[in-house]
Every structure is written in C-alpha cells, then in structure tokens.
C-alpha cells in the first residue's frame, strides 16, 4: 500500500514539475509587456475621464471602488494610490499621470526584459489598481491580464531572451521550477476553457446562433454590418456549436501530441476572429499570448519527430 502511494506521489510530482526551459516564459514576458504597453496607449485619451476623482464618466471611480470595497478592504485601487501620493504633497493630476507613466514604463521594460522582476511586479500591481477602480466598465481582458502578470511576477526571471540575462548574466534557472509554473498555467487554462464551454452549452443561445448574433450587433462591438451578419446568418449556429466544442475539448485534446497543434490553432483562431469582428483586440492578444506561451513551445520539435516516425508513402 505504501509503495502504491509512493508511486502515485512520484507521478503527481513528475506531472507538476516536468523539466523545462525558459522559452515559454520569454513568450509570456514579451507578449504581456507589449500588451500592457498597448493597454496604456489605448487608455491615454480617457485616463483622467475614467479614473480621476473629478472625472465625468457615467460610472465614476468612486462608485467602482465603493463596490469593490465590500469584497475586500485591502484591495489596491487608483484611489488608494492618489491618497498615498497626497501625503507626500503630490496633487491628484500629477499622481494620475505618474501612475499611467509607471504602468507604461513597466510594460516597455517588461517587453525588453529590463529589470524583469521589478517590472513584472509594478505592472501587476498598477494594472490591478486600474482594473479594480474601473471594474464597472472592465471586461475579460483585465482579468486575464492580471492572471498572466501574476504568473510572470512569480515565475523565475529573467528568461534567456531578456536583456537582463544578455547584459548581466545570472544564475541558471531551475528546470523544475520553470516546468512547475508552466504546468500550473496550463492547468489553469484548461479549467477556464472547460467551464466556459460547459456554461455555453447549457443554454440554447450558442446552439441556435442567437448569442453570436447578439454579440455582433451590440454596441460598441457592432463592427460588422447587420446586413452582412444576416446574409451569413445560416452559419451562426455552426459557429456557436464549434466554439462550445473547441472549449470543451480543450482540456483533453490540448495535451495530446497528435492534436495539440490543431487545437492550439483552433483556439487562437477563435480569439483572433473575436478580436477582428468585435474590436476586442486586447482581449484576443492576451488570450493568444497565454495559450502560445503555455502550449506553443515544443510544437516544432514534436512535429518533426512525428514526421520522422511517419511511415513512407507509396511515392517514396
């Protein structure tokens, strides 16, 4: 009995900490760094409008922060940053500008791999403040950016592509730790897609295409003409069913070497189509970065190995 438990425990440890290199971490760092930079650029024109105490938005920062305070009194917010800055004689306008500048700088440094650990921590913290203060107007991209930056903040940095390592070197990264953080990210994505697919499948809207229709014609996501959507309306049920199947099948088929490349391409294509048809570019980029970093590395070598093992054709 003790031997069985020991064998089971060894299998669990082997699954959770497979030896790995830092290729996936480099993809995650560069992708999320670019994402944070684009995020700041997209919010520049509306930064004060959304987050300043005197902002003119319909849903103010104070309202969002009041609601989030009912969940946690220790949640970091833009309001807390402004209040802290005021103790040092910094005005709200200056504090808001500094917050935006530090978040932008953290994104640029993160993408380049300069002060990787500190940049990841600053990016995660400031983005969390912005996401919570704008919680009433945020959507999935903020949640998944926070998740990705959290993994990046804890993972062993700098990776082999970072300027930190190229300029100053550093200790060799532990393959077991690299494999552990990648495995946790993989399992996390599997859980997310599984429950998302099951939730979609429980309603009829994804089976008859009505949810696709509503998503494509609802402002501000109504980029495509309703006439064009209506003309191709017969495809909407097939698209809805395909999305459910892709998400439910993800936790199973993404692990197999034979189907991993296909399923990764399907998931990335799904998010790319969402970004192009609904204007959710940041969300699409975030999900593609998370998926490619989690399951992309190693695909080329696996494909070469499978081709090498393929039986010869009649033509050969």
Foldseek 3Di string as FASTA:
>chain_A
DVVVVVVVVVVVLCLQFPFDACPLLLLLQQLLLVLLLVVLVVCVVCQCLAAPPPHPDPCHLVNLLVVVVVVPVPQAALVVQQVVVVVVVDHSVRSSVVLSVLLNVLSVCSNQQHVPLVSLVSNLNSLSRHCSSNVVPDDDLSVLSNVSSVLSNPQDDDHPRHPCCVPPNDDHDGSRSSSNSLSVLLVVLLVVLQVVLVVLVVDCCLQQLVVVLCLCCDPPQVPDDNVVCVVVVVCRNVVSVVSSCLSNCCNPQCPDLVRVVVSLVVVLVVLVVSCVRRVPVSSSSSVNSSSCSNRVPPNVVSVVVVVVPDDDDPVD
